Amino acid sequence: MPDPALPATNFSARWTGKVTPLFSETYTFFVMADNGARLSISGLATSNVWAPTIELQMPLVAGRAYDLKVEFQQLYGGASIVLEWWSRSQLREIVPTAALTP
């Protein structure tokens, strides 16, 4: 749960902030969620439909901060969500906190 005040199931959460890449190239963002997620980077949304897996590609400029919005929908069972990124020069990994700002 993102907050102890929320129930263990049947909730949604939204995280917003900025993501700053290290390299100027096309990045692929991946979201894996139980049960559903939506992703938007600088207004480029994956979809308005909740999906358990998301893949979004876009060219980014090193050092530039891009708007990031991750939405999470938990309906039943365990709650989990992961945001990863990858590029030619960037190994696939969970987006590190150093690349995120509120």
PDB file of N, CA and C in Angstrom:
ATOM      1  N   MET A   1       0.842  -1.180   0.000  1.00  0.00           N
ATOM      2  CA  MET A   1       0.000   0.000   0.000  1.00  0.00           C
ATOM      3  C   MET A   1       0.886   1.241   0.000  1.00  0.00           C
ATOM      4  N   PRO A   2       0.545   2.245  -0.792  1.00  0.00           N
ATOM      5  CA  PRO A   2       1.345   3.470  -0.785  1.00  0.00           C
ATOM      6  C   PRO A   2       1.142   4.305   0.476  1.00  0.00           C
ATOM      7  N   ASP A   3       0.070   4.020   1.235  1.00  0.00           N
ATOM      8  CA  ASP A   3      -0.217   4.765   2.458  1.00  0.00           C
ATOM      9  C   ASP A   3      -0.948   3.828   3.413  1.00  0.00           C
ATOM     10  N   PRO A   4      -0.546   3.788   4.699  1.00  0.00           N
ATOM     11  CA  PRO A   4      -1.207   2.888   5.642  1.00  0.00           C
ATOM     12  C   PRO A   4      -2.690   3.201   5.861  1.00  0.00           C
ATOM     13  N   ALA A   5      -3.135   4.393   5.490  1.00  0.00           N
ATOM     14  CA  ALA A   5      -4.546   4.755   5.651  1.00  0.00           C
ATOM     15  C   ALA A   5      -5.429   4.114   4.577  1.00  0.00           C
ATOM     16  N   LEU A   6      -4.824   3.561   3.529  1.00  0.00           N
ATOM     17  CA  LEU A   6      -5.595   2.922   2.458  1.00  0.00           C
ATOM     18  C   LEU A   6      -5.870   1.462   2.793  1.00  0.00           C
ATOM     19  N   PRO A   7      -6.962   0.937   2.260  1.00  0.00           N
ATOM     20  CA  PRO A   7      -7.215  -0.494   2.443  1.00  0.00           C
ATOM     21  C   PRO A   7      -6.195  -1.312   1.649  1.00  0.00           C
ATOM     22  N   ALA A   8      -6.052  -2.590   1.991  1.00  0.00           N
ATOM     23  CA  ALA A   8      -5.079  -3.461   1.319  1.00  0.00           C
ATOM     24  C   ALA A   8      -5.473  -3.758  -0.127  1.00  0.00           C
ATOM     25  N   THR A   9      -6.760  -3.677  -0.443  1.00  0.00           N
ATOM     26  CA  THR A   9      -7.226  -3.899  -1.811  1.00  0.00           C
ATOM     27  C   THR A   9      -8.250  -2.841  -2.178  1.00  0.00           C
ATOM     28  N   ASN A  10      -8.574  -2.791  -3.478  1.00  0.00           N
ATOM     29  CA  ASN A  10      -9.583  -1.878  -3.996  1.00  0.00           C
ATOM     30  C   ASN A  10      -9.239  -0.411  -3.734  1.00  0.00           C
ATOM     31  N   PHE A  11      -8.055   0.004  -4.246  1.00  0.00           N
ATOM     32  CA  PHE A  11      -7.645   1.400  -4.140  1.00  0.00           C
ATOM     33  C   PHE A  11      -6.884   1.771  -5.410  1.00  0.00           C
ATOM     34  N   SER A  12      -6.648   3.046  -5.592  1.00  0.00           N
ATOM     35  CA  SER A  12      -5.798   3.520  -6.677  1.00  0.00           C
ATOM     36  C   SER A  12      -4.861   4.588  -6.121  1.00  0.00           C
ATOM     37  N   ALA A  13      -3.755   4.790  -6.823  1.00  0.00           N
ATOM     38  CA  ALA A  13      -2.766   5.785  -6.415  1.00  0.00           C
ATOM     39  C   ALA A  13      -2.211   6.460  -7.659  1.00  0.00           C
ATOM     40  N   ARG A  14      -1.735   7.694  -7.489  1.00  0.00           N
ATOM     41  CA  ARG A  14      -1.111   8.435  -8.587  1.00  0.00           C
ATOM     42  C   ARG A  14       0.162   9.080  -8.061  1.00  0.00           C
ATOM     43  N   TRP A  15       1.246   8.859  -8.799  1.00  0.00           N
ATOM     44  CA  TRP A  15       2.519   9.491  -8.484  1.00  0.00           C
ATOM     45  C   TRP A  15       2.870  10.434  -9.628  1.00  0.00           C
ATOM     46  N   THR A  16       3.264  11.669  -9.293  1.00  0.00           N
ATOM     47  CA  THR A  16       3.666  12.643 -10.304  1.00  0.00           C
ATOM     48  C   THR A  16       4.998  13.250  -9.916  1.00  0.00           C
ATOM     49  N   GLY A  17       5.707  13.697 -10.903  1.00  0.00           N
ATOM     50  CA  GLY A  17       7.001  14.337 -10.681  1.00  0.00           C
ATOM     51  C   GLY A  17       7.716  14.509 -12.005  1.00  0.00           C
ATOM     52  N   LYS A  18       9.029  14.427 -11.949  1.00  0.00           N
ATOM     53  CA  LYS A  18       9.871  14.583 -13.136  1.00  0.00           C
ATOM     54  C   LYS A  18      10.855  13.423 -13.206  1.00  0.00           C
ATOM     55  N   VAL A  19      11.218  13.050 -14.428  1.00  0.00           N
ATOM     56  CA  VAL A  19      12.243  12.043 -14.660  1.00  0.00           C
ATOM     57  C   VAL A  19      13.302  12.683 -15.568  1.00  0.00           C
ATOM     58  N   THR A  20      14.575  12.501 -15.210  1.00  0.00           N
ATOM     59  CA  THR A  20      15.676  13.123 -15.949  1.00  0.00           C
ATOM     60  C   THR A  20      16.638  12.046 -16.442  1.00  0.00           C
ATOM     61  N   PRO A  21      16.770  11.876 -17.768  1.00  0.00           N
ATOM     62  CA  PRO A  21      17.653  10.849 -18.322  1.00  0.00           C
ATOM     63  C   PRO A  21      19.121  11.280 -18.297  1.00  0.00           C
ATOM     64  N   LEU A  22      19.994  10.295 -18.366  1.00  0.00           N
ATOM     65  CA  LEU A  22      21.436  10.549 -18.421  1.00  0.00           C
ATOM     66  C   LEU A  22      21.945  10.679 -19.847  1.00  0.00           C
ATOM     67  N   PHE A  23      21.197  10.144 -20.812  1.00  0.00           N
ATOM     68  CA  PHE A  23      21.667  10.094 -22.189  1.00  0.00           C
ATOM     69  C   PHE A  23      20.620  10.688 -23.137  1.00  0.00           C
ATOM     70  N   SER A  24      21.080  11.270 -24.234  1.00  0.00           N
ATOM     71  CA  SER A  24      20.185  11.794 -25.268  1.00  0.00           C
ATOM     72  C   SER A  24      19.953  10.698 -26.297  1.00  0.00           C
ATOM     73  N   GLU A  25      18.853   9.976 -26.128  1.00  0.00           N
ATOM     74  CA  GLU A  25      18.492   8.896 -27.038  1.00  0.00           C
ATOM     75  C   GLU A  25      17.076   8.428 -26.719  1.00  0.00           C
ATOM     76  N   THR A  26      16.601   7.463 -27.468  1.00  0.00           N
ATOM     77  CA  THR A  26      15.262   6.935 -27.236  1.00  0.00           C
ATOM     78  C   THR A  26      15.281   5.996 -26.034  1.00  0.00           C
ATOM     79  N   TYR A  27      14.384   6.250 -25.109  1.00  0.00           N
ATOM     80  CA  TYR A  27      14.230   5.419 -23.921  1.00  0.00           C
ATOM     81  C   TYR A  27      12.954   4.604 -24.046  1.00  0.00           C
ATOM     82  N   THR A  28      12.975   3.409 -23.479  1.00  0.00           N
ATOM     83  CA  THR A  28      11.779   2.606 -23.329  1.00  0.00           C
ATOM     84  C   THR A  28      11.468   2.514 -21.842  1.00  0.00           C
ATOM     85  N   PHE A  29      10.248   2.864 -21.472  1.00  0.00           N
ATOM     86  CA  PHE A  29       9.783   2.749 -20.094  1.00  0.00           C
ATOM     87  C   PHE A  29       8.878   1.536 -19.996  1.00  0.00           C
ATOM     88  N   PHE A  30       9.015   0.790 -18.917  1.00  0.00           N
ATOM     89  CA  PHE A  30       8.222  -0.409 -18.674  1.00  0.00           C
ATOM     90  C   PHE A  30       7.522  -0.273 -17.326  1.00  0.00           C
ATOM     91  N   VAL A  31       6.262  -0.643 -17.272  1.00  0.00           N
ATOM     92  CA  VAL A  31       5.519  -0.706 -16.008  1.00  0.00           C
ATOM     93  C   VAL A  31       4.933  -2.107 -15.900  1.00  0.00           C
ATOM     94  N   MET A  32       5.143  -2.729 -14.749  1.00  0.00           N
ATOM     95  CA  MET A  32       4.511  -4.002 -14.434  1.00  0.00           C
ATOM     96  C   MET A  32       3.723  -3.785 -13.151  1.00  0.00           C
ATOM     97  N   ALA A  33       2.409  -4.041 -13.210  1.00  0.00           N
ATOM     98  CA  ALA A  33       1.552  -3.747 -12.073  1.00  0.00           C
ATOM     99  C   ALA A  33       0.555  -4.865 -11.819  1.00  0.00           C
ATOM    100  N   ASP A  34       0.224  -5.023 -10.564  1.00  0.00           N
ATOM    101  CA  ASP A  34      -0.826  -5.945 -10.141  1.00  0.00           C
ATOM    102  C   ASP A  34      -1.882  -5.056  -9.455  1.00  0.00           C
ATOM    103  N   ASN A  35      -2.841  -4.625 -10.134  1.00  0.00           N
ATOM    104  CA  ASN A  35      -3.632  -5.170 -11.208  1.00  0.00           C
ATOM    105  C   ASN A  35      -3.583  -4.338 -12.484  1.00  0.00           C
ATOM    106  N   GLY A  36      -3.422  -3.034 -12.375  1.00  0.00           N
ATOM    107  CA  GLY A  36      -3.410  -2.209 -13.573  1.00  0.00           C
ATOM    108  C   GLY A  36      -2.647  -0.920 -13.366  1.00  0.00           C
ATOM    109  N   ALA A  37      -2.206  -0.321 -14.483  1.00  0.00           N
ATOM    110  CA  ALA A  37      -1.454   0.932 -14.416  1.00  0.00           C
ATOM    111  C   ALA A  37      -1.711   1.741 -15.675  1.00  0.00           C
ATOM    112  N   ARG A  38      -1.364   3.013 -15.573  1.00  0.00           N
ATOM    113  CA  ARG A  38      -1.312   3.919 -16.716  1.00  0.00           C
ATOM    114  C   ARG A  38      -0.045   4.741 -16.557  1.00  0.00           C
ATOM    115  N   LEU A  39       0.542   5.178 -17.677  1.00  0.00           N
ATOM    116  CA  LEU A  39       1.809   5.902 -17.667  1.00  0.00           C
ATOM    117  C   LEU A  39       1.733   7.062 -18.638  1.00  0.00           C
ATOM    118  N   SER A  40       2.265   8.204 -18.212  1.00  0.00           N
ATOM    119  CA  SER A  40       2.355   9.372 -19.086  1.00  0.00           C
ATOM    120  C   SER A  40       3.693  10.057 -18.841  1.00  0.00           C
ATOM    121  N   ILE A  41       4.390  10.368 -19.939  1.00  0.00           N
ATOM    122  CA  ILE A  41       5.651  11.103 -19.864  1.00  0.00           C
ATOM    123  C   ILE A  41       5.509  12.321 -20.760  1.00  0.00           C
ATOM    124  N   SER A  42       5.601  13.502 -20.136  1.00  0.00           N
ATOM    125  CA  SER A  42       5.427  14.782 -20.837  1.00  0.00           C
ATOM    126  C   SER A  42       4.182  14.788 -21.716  1.00  0.00           C
ATOM    127  N   GLY A  43       3.090  14.259 -21.174  1.00  0.00           N
ATOM    128  CA  GLY A  43       1.812  14.283 -21.863  1.00  0.00           C
ATOM    129  C   GLY A  43       1.596  13.157 -22.859  1.00  0.00           C
ATOM    130  N   LEU A  44       2.639  12.368 -23.155  1.00  0.00           N
ATOM    131  CA  LEU A  44       2.483  11.221 -24.045  1.00  0.00           C
ATOM    132  C   LEU A  44       2.003  10.048 -23.208  1.00  0.00           C
ATOM    133  N   ALA A  45       0.717   9.756 -23.291  1.00  0.00           N
ATOM    134  CA  ALA A  45       0.119   8.711 -22.462  1.00  0.00           C
ATOM    135  C   ALA A  45       0.131   7.374 -23.182  1.00  0.00           C
ATOM    136  N   THR A  46       0.233   6.311 -22.415  1.00  0.00           N
ATOM    137  CA  THR A  46       0.176   4.977 -22.992  1.00  0.00           C
ATOM    138  C   THR A  46      -1.231   4.658 -23.466  1.00  0.00           C
ATOM    139  N   SER A  47      -2.207   5.004 -22.637  1.00  0.00           N
ATOM    140  CA  SER A  47      -3.600   4.727 -22.980  1.00  0.00           C
ATOM    141  C   SER A  47      -4.476   5.166 -21.828  1.00  0.00           C
ATOM    142  N   ASN A  48      -5.778   5.239 -22.081  1.00  0.00           N
ATOM    143  CA  ASN A  48      -6.721   5.539 -21.003  1.00  0.00           C
ATOM    144  C   ASN A  48      -7.263   4.262 -20.390  1.00  0.00           C
ATOM    145  N   VAL A  49      -6.753   3.122 -20.821  1.00  0.00           N
ATOM    146  CA  VAL A  49      -7.190   1.827 -20.321  1.00  0.00           C
ATOM    147  C   VAL A  49      -6.160   1.309 -19.321  1.00  0.00           C
ATOM    148  N   TRP A  50      -6.623   0.787 -18.198  1.00  0.00           N
ATOM    149  CA  TRP A  50      -5.725   0.196 -17.211  1.00  0.00           C
ATOM    150  C   TRP A  50      -5.120  -1.080 -17.791  1.00  0.00           C
ATOM    151  N   ALA A  51      -3.804  -1.255 -17.644  1.00  0.00           N
ATOM    152  CA  ALA A  51      -3.128  -2.440 -18.181  1.00  0.00           C
ATOM    153  C   ALA A  51      -2.122  -2.955 -17.154  1.00  0.00           C
ATOM    154  N   PRO A  52      -1.936  -4.274 -17.056  1.00  0.00           N
ATOM    155  CA  PRO A  52      -0.965  -4.813 -16.107  1.00  0.00           C
ATOM    156  C   PRO A  52       0.481  -4.635 -16.555  1.00  0.00           C
ATOM    157  N   THR A  53       0.706  -4.496 -17.870  1.00  0.00           N
ATOM    158  CA  THR A  53       2.052  -4.224 -18.380  1.00  0.00           C
ATOM    159  C   THR A  53       1.979  -3.101 -19.400  1.00  0.00           C
ATOM    160  N   ILE A  54       2.976  -2.236 -19.362  1.00  0.00           N
ATOM    161  CA  ILE A  54       3.025  -1.084 -20.257  1.00  0.00           C
ATOM    162  C   ILE A  54       4.445  -0.966 -20.800  1.00  0.00           C
ATOM    163  N   GLU A  55       4.549  -0.561 -22.064  1.00  0.00           N
ATOM    164  CA  GLU A  55       5.833  -0.260 -22.679  1.00  0.00           C
ATOM    165  C   GLU A  55       5.650   1.020 -23.480  1.00  0.00           C
ATOM    166  N   LEU A  56       6.457   2.044 -23.171  1.00  0.00           N
ATOM    167  CA  LEU A  56       6.344   3.351 -23.824  1.00  0.00           C
ATOM    168  C   LEU A  56       7.728   3.811 -24.254  1.00  0.00           C
ATOM    169  N   GLN A  57       7.881   4.154 -25.540  1.00  0.00           N
ATOM    170  CA  GLN A  57       9.153   4.637 -26.059  1.00  0.00           C
ATOM    171  C   GLN A  57       9.045   6.101 -26.416  1.00  0.00           C
ATOM    172  N   MET A  58      10.131   6.837 -26.137  1.00  0.00           N
ATOM    173  CA  MET A  58      10.183   8.222 -26.581  1.00  0.00           C
ATOM    174  C   MET A  58      11.615   8.729 -26.527  1.00  0.00           C
ATOM    175  N   PRO A  59      11.965   9.633 -27.456  1.00  0.00           N
ATOM    176  CA  PRO A  59      13.299  10.218 -27.430  1.00  0.00           C
ATOM    177  C   PRO A  59      13.391  11.233 -26.289  1.00  0.00           C
ATOM    178  N   LEU A  60      14.493  11.181 -25.556  1.00  0.00           N
ATOM    179  CA  LEU A  60      14.719  12.094 -24.432  1.00  0.00           C
ATOM    180  C   LEU A  60      16.080  12.768 -24.583  1.00  0.00           C
ATOM    181  N   VAL A  61      16.228  13.937 -23.980  1.00  0.00           N
ATOM    182  CA  VAL A  61      17.472  14.700 -24.009  1.00  0.00           C
ATOM    183  C   VAL A  61      18.114  14.621 -22.628  1.00  0.00           C
ATOM    184  N   ALA A  62      19.394  14.282 -22.594  1.00  0.00           N
ATOM    185  CA  ALA A  62      20.125  14.149 -21.335  1.00  0.00           C
ATOM    186  C   ALA A  62      20.023  15.428 -20.503  1.00  0.00           C
ATOM    187  N   GLY A  63      19.752  15.256 -19.206  1.00  0.00           N
ATOM    188  CA  GLY A  63      19.702  16.374 -18.285  1.00  0.00           C
ATOM    189  C   GLY A  63      18.407  17.156 -18.272  1.00  0.00           C
ATOM    190  N   ARG A  64      17.522  16.910 -19.212  1.00  0.00           N
ATOM    191  CA  ARG A  64      16.229  17.610 -19.257  1.00  0.00           C
ATOM    192  C   ARG A  64      15.222  16.840 -18.406  1.00  0.00           C
ATOM    193  N   ALA A  65      14.467  17.547 -17.585  1.00  0.00           N
ATOM    194  CA  ALA A  65      13.451  16.920 -16.726  1.00  0.00           C
ATOM    195  C   ALA A  65      12.125  16.848 -17.475  1.00  0.00           C
ATOM    196  N   TYR A  66      11.551  15.645 -17.531  1.00  0.00           N
ATOM    197  CA  TYR A  66      10.285  15.393 -18.215  1.00  0.00           C
ATOM    198  C   TYR A  66       9.196  15.086 -17.190  1.00  0.00           C
ATOM    199  N   ASP A  67       7.999  15.615 -17.433  1.00  0.00           N
ATOM    200  CA  ASP A  67       6.870  15.314 -16.556  1.00  0.00           C
ATOM    201  C   ASP A  67       6.596  13.815 -16.575  1.00  0.00           C
ATOM    202  N   LEU A  68       6.330  13.271 -15.397  1.00  0.00           N
ATOM    203  CA  LEU A  68       6.067  11.841 -15.248  1.00  0.00           C
ATOM    204  C   LEU A  68       4.814  11.648 -14.414  1.00  0.00           C
ATOM    205  N   LYS A  69       3.911  10.790 -14.908  1.00  0.00           N
ATOM    206  CA  LYS A  69       2.719  10.439 -14.132  1.00  0.00           C
ATOM    207  C   LYS A  69       2.527   8.927 -14.227  1.00  0.00           C
ATOM    208  N   VAL A  70       2.480   8.281 -13.073  1.00  0.00           N
ATOM    209  CA  VAL A  70       2.225   6.849 -12.985  1.00  0.00           C
ATOM    210  C   VAL A  70       0.969   6.673 -12.147  1.00  0.00           C
ATOM    211  N   GLU A  71      -0.012   5.956 -12.711  1.00  0.00           N
ATOM    212  CA  GLU A  71      -1.250   5.681 -11.987  1.00  0.00           C
ATOM    213  C   GLU A  71      -1.354   4.174 -11.763  1.00  0.00           C
ATOM    214  N   PHE A  72      -1.866   3.808 -10.603  1.00  0.00           N
ATOM    215  CA  PHE A  72      -1.898   2.413 -10.174  1.00  0.00           C
ATOM    216  C   PHE A  72      -3.294   2.070  -9.687  1.00  0.00           C
ATOM    217  N   GLN A  73      -3.788   0.916 -10.115  1.00  0.00           N
ATOM    218  CA  GLN A  73      -5.116   0.439  -9.707  1.00  0.00           C
ATOM    219  C   GLN A  73      -4.955  -0.937  -9.064  1.00  0.00           C
ATOM    220  N   GLN A  74      -5.337  -1.045  -7.800  1.00  0.00           N
ATOM    221  CA  GLN A  74      -5.262  -2.315  -7.061  1.00  0.00           C
ATOM    222  C   GLN A  74      -6.675  -2.793  -6.764  1.00  0.00           C
ATOM    223  N   LEU A  75      -7.029  -3.949  -7.337  1.00  0.00           N
ATOM    224  CA  LEU A  75      -8.382  -4.468  -7.166  1.00  0.00           C
ATOM    225  C   LEU A  75      -8.454  -5.610  -6.160  1.00  0.00           C
ATOM    226  N   TYR A  76      -7.472  -6.516  -6.177  1.00  0.00           N
ATOM    227  CA  TYR A  76      -7.506  -7.702  -5.310  1.00  0.00           C
ATOM    228  C   TYR A  76      -6.101  -8.278  -5.213  1.00  0.00           C
ATOM    229  N   GLY A  77      -5.876  -9.131  -4.239  1.00  0.00           N
ATOM    230  CA  GLY A  77      -4.576  -9.792  -4.095  1.00  0.00           C
ATOM    231  C   GLY A  77      -3.489  -8.833  -3.654  1.00  0.00           C
ATOM    232  N   GLY A  78      -2.246  -9.247  -3.862  1.00  0.00           N
ATOM    233  CA  GLY A  78      -1.104  -8.423  -3.468  1.00  0.00           C
ATOM    234  C   GLY A  78      -0.947  -7.196  -4.348  1.00  0.00           C
ATOM    235  N   ALA A  79      -0.490  -6.131  -3.767  1.00  0.00           N
ATOM    236  CA  ALA A  79      -0.286  -4.878  -4.489  1.00  0.00           C
ATOM    237  C   ALA A  79       1.180  -4.737  -4.871  1.00  0.00           C
ATOM    238  N   SER A  80       1.461  -4.544  -6.173  1.00  0.00           N
ATOM    239  CA  SER A  80       2.834  -4.310  -6.601  1.00  0.00           C
ATOM    240  C   SER A  80       2.842  -3.524  -7.902  1.00  0.00           C
ATOM    241  N   ILE A  81       3.856  -2.657  -8.025  1.00  0.00           N
ATOM    242  CA  ILE A  81       4.066  -1.899  -9.253  1.00  0.00           C
ATOM    243  C   ILE A  81       5.553  -1.604  -9.369  1.00  0.00           C
ATOM    244  N   VAL A  82       6.078  -1.690 -10.599  1.00  0.00           N
ATOM    245  CA  VAL A  82       7.493  -1.439 -10.869  1.00  0.00           C
ATOM    246  C   VAL A  82       7.590  -0.568 -12.112  1.00  0.00           C
ATOM    247  N   LEU A  83       8.436   0.466 -12.056  1.00  0.00           N
ATOM    248  CA  LEU A  83       8.726   1.329 -13.197  1.00  0.00           C
ATOM    249  C   LEU A  83      10.191   1.157 -13.558  1.00  0.00           C
ATOM    250  N   GLU A  84      10.447   0.702 -14.793  1.00  0.00           N
ATOM    251  CA  GLU A  84      11.817   0.506 -15.267  1.00  0.00           C
ATOM    252  C   GLU A  84      12.041   1.324 -16.533  1.00  0.00           C
ATOM    253  N   TRP A  85      13.342   1.506 -16.863  1.00  0.00           N
ATOM    254  CA  TRP A  85      13.684   2.142 -18.122  1.00  0.00           C
ATOM    255  C   TRP A  85      14.872   1.461 -18.753  1.00  0.00           C
ATOM    256  N   TRP A  86      15.058   1.731 -20.068  1.00  0.00           N
ATOM    257  CA  TRP A  86      16.149   1.147 -20.835  1.00  0.00           C
ATOM    258  C   TRP A  86      16.429   2.038 -22.036  1.00  0.00           C
ATOM    259  N   SER A  87      17.695   2.127 -22.433  1.00  0.00           N
ATOM    260  CA  SER A  87      18.085   2.769 -23.690  1.00  0.00           C
ATOM    261  C   SER A  87      19.365   2.079 -24.169  1.00  0.00           C
ATOM    262  N   ARG A  88      19.867   2.488 -25.335  1.00  0.00           N
ATOM    263  CA  ARG A  88      21.103   1.892 -25.858  1.00  0.00           C
ATOM    264  C   ARG A  88      22.249   1.989 -24.852  1.00  0.00           C
ATOM    265  N   SER A  89      22.307   3.094 -24.120  1.00  0.00           N
ATOM    266  CA  SER A  89      23.402   3.324 -23.171  1.00  0.00           C
ATOM    267  C   SER A  89      23.006   3.058 -21.723  1.00  0.00           C
ATOM    268  N   GLN A  90      21.740   2.749 -21.494  1.00  0.00           N
ATOM    269  CA  GLN A  90      21.202   2.573 -20.144  1.00  0.00           C
ATOM    270  C   GLN A  90      20.708   1.147 -19.977  1.00  0.00           C
ATOM    271  N   LEU A  91      21.310   0.386 -19.079  1.00  0.00           N
ATOM    272  CA  LEU A  91      20.819  -0.960 -18.805  1.00  0.00           C
ATOM    273  C   LEU A  91      19.376  -0.894 -18.303  1.00  0.00           C
ATOM    274  N   ARG A  92      18.596  -1.938 -18.581  1.00  0.00           N
ATOM    275  CA  ARG A  92      17.232  -1.984 -18.057  1.00  0.00           C
ATOM    276  C   ARG A  92      17.308  -2.127 -16.542  1.00  0.00           C
ATOM    277  N   GLU A  93      16.654  -1.190 -15.854  1.00  0.00           N
ATOM    278  CA  GLU A  93      16.669  -1.179 -14.391  1.00  0.00           C
ATOM    279  C   GLU A  93      15.474  -0.399 -13.886  1.00  0.00           C
ATOM    280  N   ILE A  94      15.181  -0.567 -12.611  1.00  0.00           N
ATOM    281  CA  ILE A  94      14.183   0.282 -11.960  1.00  0.00           C
ATOM    282  C   ILE A  94      14.697   1.708 -12.033  1.00  0.00           C
ATOM    283  N   VAL A  95      13.831   2.653 -12.411  1.00  0.00           N
ATOM    284  CA  VAL A  95      14.257   4.041 -12.504  1.00  0.00           C
ATOM    285  C   VAL A  95      14.780   4.473 -11.140  1.00  0.00           C
ATOM    286  N   PRO A  96      16.062   4.866 -11.054  1.00  0.00           N
ATOM    287  CA  PRO A  96      16.647   5.192  -9.762  1.00  0.00           C
ATOM    288  C   PRO A  96      16.105   6.516  -9.185  1.00  0.00           C
ATOM    289  N   THR A  97      16.092   6.606  -7.889  1.00  0.00           N
ATOM    290  CA  THR A  97      15.582   7.827  -7.244  1.00  0.00           C
ATOM    291  C   THR A  97      16.388   9.054  -7.669  1.00  0.00           C
ATOM    292  N   ALA A  98      17.659   8.879  -8.026  1.00  0.00           N
ATOM    293  CA  ALA A  98      18.490  10.010  -8.471  1.00  0.00           C
ATOM    294  C   ALA A  98      17.949  10.638  -9.772  1.00  0.00           C
ATOM    295  N   ALA A  99      17.187   9.866 -10.554  1.00  0.00           N
ATOM    296  CA  ALA A  99      16.633  10.368 -11.808  1.00  0.00           C
ATOM    297  C   ALA A  99      15.222  10.937 -11.641  1.00  0.00           C
ATOM    298  N   LEU A 100      14.683  10.865 -10.408  1.00  0.00           N
ATOM    299  CA  LEU A 100      13.316  11.323 -10.147  1.00  0.00           C
ATOM    300  C   LEU A 100      13.319  12.527  -9.219  1.00  0.00           C
ATOM    301  N   THR A 101      12.429  13.480  -9.499  1.00  0.00           N
ATOM    302  CA  THR A 101      12.223  14.615  -8.600  1.00  0.00           C
ATOM    303  C   THR A 101      10.723  14.815  -8.418  1.00  0.00           C
ATOM    304  N   PRO A 102      10.315  15.259  -7.222  1.00  0.00           N
ATOM    305  CA  PRO A 102       8.872  15.480  -6.978  1.00  0.00           C
ATOM    306  C   PRO A 102       8.334  16.641  -7.808  1.00  0.00           C
TER     307      PRO A 102
END
